[in-house]
Amino acid sequence: MSHSEPGPVIVTGGSRGIGAATVMALAGAGRPVVFSYASNADAAQALTRRVQAAGGTAIAVQGDVADDVAVTALFETCKDAFGAPTGVFANAGITGPSSRMEDLAPADLRRVLDVNVTGTVLTVQAAARLMSTRHGGAGGAIVLMSSRAAALGGGNEWIHYAASKGAINSMTIGLAKELGADGIRVNAVAPGLIDTDIHATAGLVDRLAAKTGDVPLGRIGRADEVASAVTWLLSDAASYVSGAVLDISAGR
């Protein structure tokens, strides 16, 4: 892809939070975006309208990233509408409920691993099949969604979530080595405390306010600050960056 014609991007879990901010940022950079959402059709359609109002292009596709059929359909939608993607942000993820590990229900553990780990694997597989020069693709870049929880451990909150993100870090390193010869760069972002609804969804409504004091910069991050980093990693400006896990946590 030439610098003047940025190719299409796929974003999983794009209807809210960091995903939605990244959809807006990528569309603002002139890239057509196809994003998936799990269930909130209203939020997804509102986002596509916001993108269009700003002069960009986005298509929303309902689907669970843990379902290989849904992931394949997402990539086919992009291919049919805009051609094969040249960038993929495997953003979809859940924390599961906040819990000490001995109290965690097996079903909750399995769902977190299914979405965060299996869903990421399925997304990367679909991306590689369309993007890899080995398969006749043009190459490109993939960004995975990690978290500072992987390094901090999530004790007393969500060790299960932290462990799932540790798997993402390992995958980032391995995939950069495996896909580099196929013309694909692979990196991850590891956000710290970001102002999204993921905390309240886990039952930790006051988490951000309680932890602001842990942040050296003294404030909570914004979704668009993460989106800026993802947009850079997916661009030619980051052409020699691969295998990196970028902490976006203000030093925490």
C-alpha atoms as a PDB file:
ATOM      1  CA  MET A   1       0.000   0.000   0.000  1.00  0.00           C
ATOM      2  CA  SER A   2       1.270   3.443  -0.801  1.00  0.00           C
ATOM      3  CA  HIS A   3       1.378   6.169   1.816  1.00  0.00           C
ATOM      4  CA  SER A   4      -1.263   8.110  -0.102  1.00  0.00           C
ATOM      5  CA  GLU A   5      -3.744   5.253  -0.119  1.00  0.00           C
ATOM      6  CA  PRO A   6      -4.039   3.735   3.370  1.00  0.00           C
ATOM      7  CA  GLY A   7      -5.774   0.372   3.244  1.00  0.00           C
ATOM      8  CA  PRO A   8      -8.790  -0.911   5.154  1.00  0.00           C
ATOM      9  CA  VAL A   9      -8.643  -1.869   8.817  1.00  0.00           C
ATOM     10  CA  ILE A  10     -10.602  -4.361  10.902  1.00  0.00           C
ATOM     11  CA  VAL A  11     -11.293  -3.610  14.579  1.00  0.00           C
ATOM     12  CA  THR A  12     -12.874  -6.245  16.830  1.00  0.00           C
ATOM     13  CA  GLY A  13     -15.006  -5.009  19.715  1.00  0.00           C
ATOM     14  CA  GLY A  14     -15.323  -1.617  18.097  1.00  0.00           C
ATOM     15  CA  SER A  15     -18.610  -0.257  19.381  1.00  0.00           C
ATOM     16  CA  ARG A  16     -17.439   1.300  22.664  1.00  0.00           C
ATOM     17  CA  GLY A  17     -14.472   2.326  24.772  1.00  0.00           C
ATOM     18  CA  ILE A  18     -10.988   2.066  23.270  1.00  0.00           C
ATOM     19  CA  GLY A  19     -12.354   0.175  20.263  1.00  0.00           C
ATOM     20  CA  ALA A  20     -14.765   2.958  19.333  1.00  0.00           C
ATOM     21  CA  ALA A  21     -12.114   5.647  19.846  1.00  0.00           C
ATOM     22  CA  THR A  22      -9.793   3.701  17.541  1.00  0.00           C
ATOM     23  CA  VAL A  23     -12.476   3.299  14.877  1.00  0.00           C
ATOM     24  CA  MET A  24     -12.918   7.093  14.923  1.00  0.00           C
ATOM     25  CA  ALA A  25      -9.159   7.717  14.796  1.00  0.00           C
ATOM     26  CA  LEU A  26      -8.521   5.297  11.932  1.00  0.00           C
ATOM     27  CA  ALA A  27     -11.464   6.608   9.921  1.00  0.00           C
ATOM     28  CA  GLY A  28     -10.193  10.129  10.592  1.00  0.00           C
ATOM     29  CA  ALA A  29      -6.843   9.071   9.114  1.00  0.00           C
ATOM     30  CA  GLY A  30      -8.660   8.131   5.924  1.00  0.00           C
ATOM     31  CA  ARG A  31      -8.815   4.387   6.399  1.00  0.00           C
ATOM     32  CA  PRO A  32     -12.078   2.477   5.763  1.00  0.00           C
ATOM     33  CA  VAL A  33     -12.932   0.542   8.936  1.00  0.00           C
ATOM     34  CA  VAL A  34     -14.960  -2.626   9.443  1.00  0.00           C
ATOM     35  CA  PHE A  35     -15.618  -3.278  13.122  1.00  0.00           C
ATOM     36  CA  SER A  36     -17.343  -6.029  15.057  1.00  0.00           C
ATOM     37  CA  TYR A  37     -19.552  -5.700  18.110  1.00  0.00           C
ATOM     38  CA  ALA A  38     -20.903  -8.388  20.426  1.00  0.00           C
ATOM     39  CA  SER A  39     -24.476  -7.276  21.074  1.00  0.00           C
ATOM     40  CA  ASN A  40     -25.034  -3.515  21.335  1.00  0.00           C
ATOM     41  CA  ALA A  41     -26.443  -2.701  17.895  1.00  0.00           C
ATOM     42  CA  ASP A  42     -27.520   0.797  18.958  1.00  0.00           C
ATOM     43  CA  ALA A  43     -23.977   1.757  19.999  1.00  0.00           C
ATOM     44  CA  ALA A  44     -22.556   0.253  16.810  1.00  0.00           C
ATOM     45  CA  GLN A  45     -24.945   2.133  14.532  1.00  0.00           C
ATOM     46  CA  ALA A  46     -24.400   5.371  16.469  1.00  0.00           C
ATOM     47  CA  LEU A  47     -20.659   4.986  15.913  1.00  0.00           C
ATOM     48  CA  THR A  48     -21.028   4.409  12.165  1.00  0.00           C
ATOM     49  CA  ARG A  49     -23.122   7.590  11.993  1.00  0.00           C
ATOM     50  CA  ARG A  50     -20.450   9.528  13.913  1.00  0.00           C
ATOM     51  CA  VAL A  51     -17.767   8.274  11.532  1.00  0.00           C
ATOM     52  CA  GLN A  52     -19.847   9.244   8.491  1.00  0.00           C
ATOM     53  CA  ALA A  53     -20.639  12.662   9.923  1.00  0.00           C
ATOM     54  CA  ALA A  54     -16.880  13.231  10.268  1.00  0.00           C
ATOM     55  CA  GLY A  55     -16.344  12.269   6.642  1.00  0.00           C
ATOM     56  CA  GLY A  56     -15.083   8.734   7.238  1.00  0.00           C
ATOM     57  CA  THR A  57     -16.227   5.243   6.298  1.00  0.00           C
ATOM     58  CA  ALA A  58     -17.153   2.442   8.710  1.00  0.00           C
ATOM     59  CA  ILE A  59     -19.222  -0.741   8.610  1.00  0.00           C
ATOM     60  CA  ALA A  60     -20.485  -2.511  11.739  1.00  0.00           C
ATOM     61  CA  VAL A  61     -20.768  -6.330  11.839  1.00  0.00           C
ATOM     62  CA  GLN A  62     -22.380  -8.193  14.733  1.00  0.00           C
ATOM     63  CA  GLY A  63     -20.421 -11.202  15.942  1.00  0.00           C
ATOM     64  CA  ASP A  64     -18.710 -12.929  18.879  1.00  0.00           C
ATOM     65  CA  VAL A  65     -14.930 -13.117  18.404  1.00  0.00           C
ATOM     66  CA  ALA A  66     -14.913 -16.514  20.125  1.00  0.00           C
ATOM     67  CA  ASP A  67     -16.979 -17.856  17.188  1.00  0.00           C
ATOM     68  CA  ASP A  68     -14.775 -18.726  14.208  1.00  0.00           C
ATOM     69  CA  VAL A  69     -17.710 -18.463  11.782  1.00  0.00           C
ATOM     70  CA  ALA A  70     -18.419 -14.901  12.958  1.00  0.00           C
ATOM     71  CA  VAL A  71     -14.753 -13.927  12.688  1.00  0.00           C
ATOM     72  CA  THR A  72     -14.545 -15.298   9.151  1.00  0.00           C
ATOM     73  CA  ALA A  73     -17.689 -13.353   8.224  1.00  0.00           C
ATOM     74  CA  LEU A  74     -16.162 -10.141   9.615  1.00  0.00           C
ATOM     75  CA  PHE A  75     -13.091 -10.494   7.408  1.00  0.00           C
ATOM     76  CA  GLU A  76     -15.188 -11.454   4.379  1.00  0.00           C
ATOM     77  CA  THR A  77     -17.272  -8.295   4.874  1.00  0.00           C
ATOM     78  CA  CYS A  78     -14.108  -6.199   4.742  1.00  0.00           C
ATOM     79  CA  LYS A  79     -12.773  -8.050   1.718  1.00  0.00           C
ATOM     80  CA  ASP A  80     -16.049  -7.640  -0.180  1.00  0.00           C
ATOM     81  CA  ALA A  81     -16.491  -3.949   0.693  1.00  0.00           C
ATOM     82  CA  PHE A  82     -12.935  -2.584   0.599  1.00  0.00           C
ATOM     83  CA  GLY A  83     -10.530  -5.392  -0.271  1.00  0.00           C
ATOM     84  CA  ALA A  84      -8.274  -7.358   2.064  1.00  0.00           C
ATOM     85  CA  PRO A  85      -7.357  -5.489   5.263  1.00  0.00           C
ATOM     86  CA  THR A  86      -3.880  -4.032   5.652  1.00  0.00           C
ATOM     87  CA  GLY A  87      -4.390  -3.467   9.385  1.00  0.00           C
ATOM     88  CA  VAL A  88      -6.147  -5.366  12.168  1.00  0.00           C
ATOM     89  CA  PHE A  89      -6.751  -4.309  15.779  1.00  0.00           C
ATOM     90  CA  ALA A  90      -7.712  -7.382  17.837  1.00  0.00           C
ATOM     91  CA  ASN A  91      -9.308  -5.308  20.555  1.00  0.00           C
ATOM     92  CA  ALA A  92     -12.326  -7.338  21.717  1.00  0.00           C
ATOM     93  CA  GLY A  93     -12.019  -8.476  25.309  1.00  0.00           C
ATOM     94  CA  ILE A  94     -13.765  -8.828  28.661  1.00  0.00           C
ATOM     95  CA  THR A  95     -12.571  -8.805  32.259  1.00  0.00           C
ATOM     96  CA  GLY A  96     -15.204 -11.109  33.669  1.00  0.00           C
ATOM     97  CA  PRO A  97     -16.426 -10.342  37.192  1.00  0.00           C
ATOM     98  CA  SER A  98     -14.055  -8.962  39.783  1.00  0.00           C
ATOM     99  CA  SER A  99     -13.224 -11.812  42.128  1.00  0.00           C
ATOM    100  CA  ARG A 100     -10.532 -13.416  44.221  1.00  0.00           C
ATOM    101  CA  MET A 101      -9.301 -16.434  42.323  1.00  0.00           C
ATOM    102  CA  GLU A 102     -10.651 -19.055  44.722  1.00  0.00           C
ATOM    103  CA  ASP A 103     -14.139 -17.603  44.288  1.00  0.00           C
ATOM    104  CA  LEU A 104     -14.065 -17.455  40.481  1.00  0.00           C
ATOM    105  CA  ALA A 105     -16.709 -19.578  38.769  1.00  0.00           C
ATOM    106  CA  PRO A 106     -15.272 -21.972  36.149  1.00  0.00           C
ATOM    107  CA  ALA A 107     -17.782 -20.704  33.577  1.00  0.00           C
ATOM    108  CA  ASP A 108     -16.552 -17.118  34.084  1.00  0.00           C
ATOM    109  CA  LEU A 109     -12.928 -18.216  33.670  1.00  0.00           C
ATOM    110  CA  ARG A 110     -13.725 -20.114  30.485  1.00  0.00           C
ATOM    111  CA  ARG A 111     -15.596 -17.181  28.976  1.00  0.00           C
ATOM    112  CA  VAL A 112     -12.731 -14.737  29.644  1.00  0.00           C
ATOM    113  CA  LEU A 113     -10.202 -17.109  28.084  1.00  0.00           C
ATOM    114  CA  ASP A 114     -12.544 -17.852  25.179  1.00  0.00           C
ATOM    115  CA  VAL A 115     -13.027 -14.184  24.276  1.00  0.00           C
ATOM    116  CA  ASN A 116      -9.597 -12.803  25.146  1.00  0.00           C
ATOM    117  CA  VAL A 117      -7.311 -15.647  24.070  1.00  0.00           C
ATOM    118  CA  THR A 118      -9.241 -17.841  21.631  1.00  0.00           C
ATOM    119  CA  GLY A 119     -10.927 -14.787  20.093  1.00  0.00           C
ATOM    120  CA  THR A 120      -7.560 -13.156  19.509  1.00  0.00           C
ATOM    121  CA  VAL A 121      -6.147 -16.340  17.958  1.00  0.00           C
ATOM    122  CA  LEU A 122      -9.135 -16.638  15.601  1.00  0.00           C
ATOM    123  CA  THR A 123      -8.757 -12.979  14.615  1.00  0.00           C
ATOM    124  CA  VAL A 124      -5.037 -13.372  13.911  1.00  0.00           C
ATOM    125  CA  GLN A 125      -5.653 -16.542  11.890  1.00  0.00           C
ATOM    126  CA  ALA A 126      -8.207 -14.793   9.692  1.00  0.00           C
ATOM    127  CA  ALA A 127      -5.878 -11.801   9.327  1.00  0.00           C
ATOM    128  CA  ALA A 128      -2.866 -13.898   8.340  1.00  0.00           C
ATOM    129  CA  ARG A 129      -4.824 -15.812   5.716  1.00  0.00           C
ATOM    130  CA  LEU A 130      -5.772 -12.582   3.924  1.00  0.00           C
ATOM    131  CA  MET A 131      -2.718 -10.414   4.628  1.00  0.00           C
ATOM    132  CA  SER A 132       0.263 -12.769   4.500  1.00  0.00           C
ATOM    133  CA  THR A 133       2.477 -12.520   1.413  1.00  0.00           C
ATOM    134  CA  ARG A 134       2.772 -16.309   1.785  1.00  0.00           C
ATOM    135  CA  HIS A 135      -0.915 -16.480   0.823  1.00  0.00           C
ATOM    136  CA  GLY A 136      -0.704 -13.810  -1.874  1.00  0.00           C
ATOM    137  CA  GLY A 137      -1.589 -10.894   0.418  1.00  0.00           C
ATOM    138  CA  ALA A 138      -0.001  -7.459   0.578  1.00  0.00           C
ATOM    139  CA  GLY A 139       1.206  -7.700   4.182  1.00  0.00           C
ATOM    140  CA  GLY A 140       0.297  -5.134   6.833  1.00  0.00           C
ATOM    141  CA  ALA A 141       0.162  -4.727  10.587  1.00  0.00           C
ATOM    142  CA  ILE A 142      -1.687  -6.319  13.486  1.00  0.00           C
ATOM    143  CA  VAL A 143      -2.133  -4.804  16.946  1.00  0.00           C
ATOM    144  CA  LEU A 144      -3.260  -6.985  19.844  1.00  0.00           C
ATOM    145  CA  MET A 145      -4.948  -5.683  23.004  1.00  0.00           C
ATOM    146  CA  SER A 146      -2.950  -6.444  26.111  1.00  0.00           C
ATOM    147  CA  SER A 147      -3.190  -4.675  29.473  1.00  0.00           C
ATOM    148  CA  ARG A 148      -0.900  -3.471  32.236  1.00  0.00           C
ATOM    149  CA  ALA A 149      -2.735  -6.127  34.271  1.00  0.00           C
ATOM    150  CA  ALA A 150      -0.497  -8.742  32.601  1.00  0.00           C
ATOM    151  CA  ALA A 151       2.542  -7.303  34.380  1.00  0.00           C
ATOM    152  CA  LEU A 152       0.739  -6.191  37.559  1.00  0.00           C
ATOM    153  CA  GLY A 153      -1.066  -9.510  38.082  1.00  0.00           C
ATOM    154  CA  GLY A 154      -4.592  -8.365  38.911  1.00  0.00           C
ATOM    155  CA  GLY A 155      -4.454  -9.663  42.482  1.00  0.00           C
ATOM    156  CA  ASN A 156      -7.707  -9.223  44.461  1.00  0.00           C
ATOM    157  CA  GLU A 157      -9.444  -7.985  41.302  1.00  0.00           C
ATOM    158  CA  TRP A 158      -9.062 -10.175  38.215  1.00  0.00           C
ATOM    159  CA  ILE A 159      -6.083 -12.512  38.041  1.00  0.00           C
ATOM    160  CA  HIS A 160      -8.016 -14.425  35.376  1.00  0.00           C
ATOM    161  CA  TYR A 161      -8.091 -11.330  33.162  1.00  0.00           C
ATOM    162  CA  ALA A 162      -4.413 -10.552  33.844  1.00  0.00           C
ATOM    163  CA  ALA A 163      -3.477 -14.120  32.898  1.00  0.00           C
ATOM    164  CA  SER A 164      -5.406 -13.847  29.631  1.00  0.00           C
ATOM    165  CA  LYS A 165      -3.436 -10.706  28.802  1.00  0.00           C
ATOM    166  CA  GLY A 166      -0.164 -12.447  29.687  1.00  0.00           C
ATOM    167  CA  ALA A 167      -1.083 -14.861  26.901  1.00  0.00           C
ATOM    168  CA  ILE A 168      -1.514 -11.892  24.566  1.00  0.00           C
ATOM    169  CA  ASN A 169       2.008 -10.666  25.374  1.00  0.00           C
ATOM    170  CA  SER A 170       3.465 -14.094  24.553  1.00  0.00           C
ATOM    171  CA  MET A 171       1.501 -14.220  21.309  1.00  0.00           C
ATOM    172  CA  THR A 172       2.727 -10.773  20.305  1.00  0.00           C
ATOM    173  CA  ILE A 173       6.356 -11.841  20.579  1.00  0.00           C
ATOM    174  CA  GLY A 174       5.799 -15.176  18.845  1.00  0.00           C
ATOM    175  CA  LEU A 175       3.650 -13.808  16.041  1.00  0.00           C
ATOM    176  CA  ALA A 176       6.139 -11.034  15.264  1.00  0.00           C
ATOM    177  CA  LYS A 177       8.718 -13.778  14.663  1.00  0.00           C
ATOM    178  CA  GLU A 178       6.338 -16.045  12.771  1.00  0.00           C
ATOM    179  CA  LEU A 179       4.710 -13.453  10.515  1.00  0.00           C
ATOM    180  CA  GLY A 180       7.606 -11.079   9.908  1.00  0.00           C
ATOM    181  CA  ALA A 181       8.735 -12.968   6.806  1.00  0.00           C
ATOM    182  CA  ASP A 182       5.119 -12.792   5.585  1.00  0.00           C
ATOM    183  CA  GLY A 183       5.218  -8.978   5.546  1.00  0.00           C
ATOM    184  CA  ILE A 184       3.165  -8.580   8.732  1.00  0.00           C
ATOM    185  CA  ARG A 185       4.216  -6.577  11.781  1.00  0.00           C
ATOM    186  CA  VAL A 186       2.633  -7.592  15.105  1.00  0.00           C
ATOM    187  CA  ASN A 187       2.570  -5.394  18.204  1.00  0.00           C
ATOM    188  CA  ALA A 188       0.389  -4.941  21.281  1.00  0.00           C
ATOM    189  CA  VAL A 189      -0.797  -2.044  23.390  1.00  0.00           C
ATOM    190  CA  ALA A 190      -1.036  -2.460  27.159  1.00  0.00           C
ATOM    191  CA  PRO A 191      -3.264   0.290  28.553  1.00  0.00           C
ATOM    192  CA  GLY A 192      -3.274   1.178  32.225  1.00  0.00           C
ATOM    193  CA  LEU A 193      -6.159   2.974  33.916  1.00  0.00           C
ATOM    194  CA  ILE A 194      -8.330   4.276  31.081  1.00  0.00           C
ATOM    195  CA  ASP A 195     -11.718   5.955  31.433  1.00  0.00           C
ATOM    196  CA  THR A 196     -14.058   3.358  29.865  1.00  0.00           C
ATOM    197  CA  ASP A 197     -17.013   1.345  31.163  1.00  0.00           C
ATOM    198  CA  ILE A 198     -14.968  -1.875  31.508  1.00  0.00           C
ATOM    199  CA  HIS A 199     -14.453  -1.235  35.242  1.00  0.00           C
ATOM    200  CA  ALA A 200     -18.124  -0.723  36.056  1.00  0.00           C
ATOM    201  CA  THR A 201     -19.055  -3.751  33.948  1.00  0.00           C
ATOM    202  CA  ALA A 202     -16.832  -5.847  36.221  1.00  0.00           C
ATOM    203  CA  GLY A 203     -18.614  -4.429  39.274  1.00  0.00           C
ATOM    204  CA  LEU A 204     -15.832  -1.979  40.208  1.00  0.00           C
ATOM    205  CA  VAL A 205     -17.691   1.310  39.797  1.00  0.00           C
ATOM    206  CA  ASP A 206     -15.224   3.341  41.902  1.00  0.00           C
ATOM    207  CA  ARG A 207     -12.041   1.661  40.660  1.00  0.00           C
ATOM    208  CA  LEU A 208     -10.677   4.555  38.602  1.00  0.00           C
ATOM    209  CA  ALA A 209     -11.190   7.161  41.300  1.00  0.00           C
ATOM    210  CA  ALA A 210      -9.632   4.881  43.915  1.00  0.00           C
ATOM    211  CA  LYS A 211      -6.516   4.197  41.852  1.00  0.00           C
ATOM    212  CA  THR A 212      -5.742   7.628  40.424  1.00  0.00           C
ATOM    213  CA  GLY A 213      -3.143   8.078  43.168  1.00  0.00           C
ATOM    214  CA  ASP A 214      -1.201   5.087  41.772  1.00  0.00           C
ATOM    215  CA  VAL A 215      -0.561   6.908  38.488  1.00  0.00           C
ATOM    216  CA  PRO A 216       2.672   8.971  38.340  1.00  0.00           C
ATOM    217  CA  LEU A 217       1.030  11.506  36.001  1.00  0.00           C
ATOM    218  CA  GLY A 218      -1.813  11.844  38.508  1.00  0.00           C
ATOM    219  CA  ARG A 219      -4.728  11.236  36.161  1.00  0.00           C
ATOM    220  CA  ILE A 220      -6.729   8.559  34.380  1.00  0.00           C
ATOM    221  CA  GLY A 221      -6.091   8.033  30.673  1.00  0.00           C
ATOM    222  CA  ARG A 222      -8.561   8.603  27.847  1.00  0.00           C
ATOM    223  CA  ALA A 223      -9.623   6.111  25.187  1.00  0.00           C
ATOM    224  CA  ASP A 224      -8.415   8.433  22.415  1.00  0.00           C
ATOM    225  CA  GLU A 225      -4.915   8.398  23.916  1.00  0.00           C
ATOM    226  CA  VAL A 226      -4.787   4.646  23.381  1.00  0.00           C
ATOM    227  CA  ALA A 227      -6.374   5.004  19.940  1.00  0.00           C
ATOM    228  CA  SER A 228      -3.561   7.359  18.883  1.00  0.00           C
ATOM    229  CA  ALA A 229      -0.967   4.710  19.710  1.00  0.00           C
ATOM    230  CA  VAL A 230      -2.880   1.977  17.878  1.00  0.00           C
ATOM    231  CA  THR A 231      -3.288   4.213  14.819  1.00  0.00           C
ATOM    232  CA  TRP A 232       0.460   4.850  14.807  1.00  0.00           C
ATOM    233  CA  LEU A 233       1.341   1.148  15.170  1.00  0.00           C
ATOM    234  CA  LEU A 234      -0.973   0.333  12.246  1.00  0.00           C
ATOM    235  CA  SER A 235       0.632   3.032  10.062  1.00  0.00           C
ATOM    236  CA  ASP A 236       3.781   3.156   7.944  1.00  0.00           C
ATOM    237  CA  ALA A 237       5.230   5.525  10.538  1.00  0.00           C
ATOM    238  CA  ALA A 238       5.850   2.430  12.709  1.00  0.00           C
ATOM    239  CA  SER A 239       7.388   0.440   9.842  1.00  0.00           C
ATOM    240  CA  TYR A 240      10.301  -0.976  11.889  1.00  0.00           C
ATOM    241  CA  VAL A 241       8.295  -1.707  15.048  1.00  0.00           C
ATOM    242  CA  SER A 242       7.300  -5.337  15.586  1.00  0.00           C
ATOM    243  CA  GLY A 243       7.124  -7.599  18.630  1.00  0.00           C
ATOM    244  CA  ALA A 244       6.651  -4.641  20.969  1.00  0.00           C
ATOM    245  CA  VAL A 245       4.186  -4.429  23.865  1.00  0.00           C
ATOM    246  CA  LEU A 246       3.616  -0.700  24.327  1.00  0.00           C
ATOM    247  CA  ASP A 247       2.605   0.338  27.834  1.00  0.00           C
ATOM    248  CA  ILE A 248       0.131   3.214  27.765  1.00  0.00           C
ATOM    249  CA  SER A 249      -0.106   3.711  31.479  1.00  0.00           C
ATOM    250  CA  ALA A 250       1.595   7.009  32.428  1.00  0.00           C
ATOM    251  CA  GLY A 251       4.331   5.126  34.261  1.00  0.00           C
ATOM    252  CA  ARG A 252       2.063   2.914  36.397  1.00  0.00           C
END
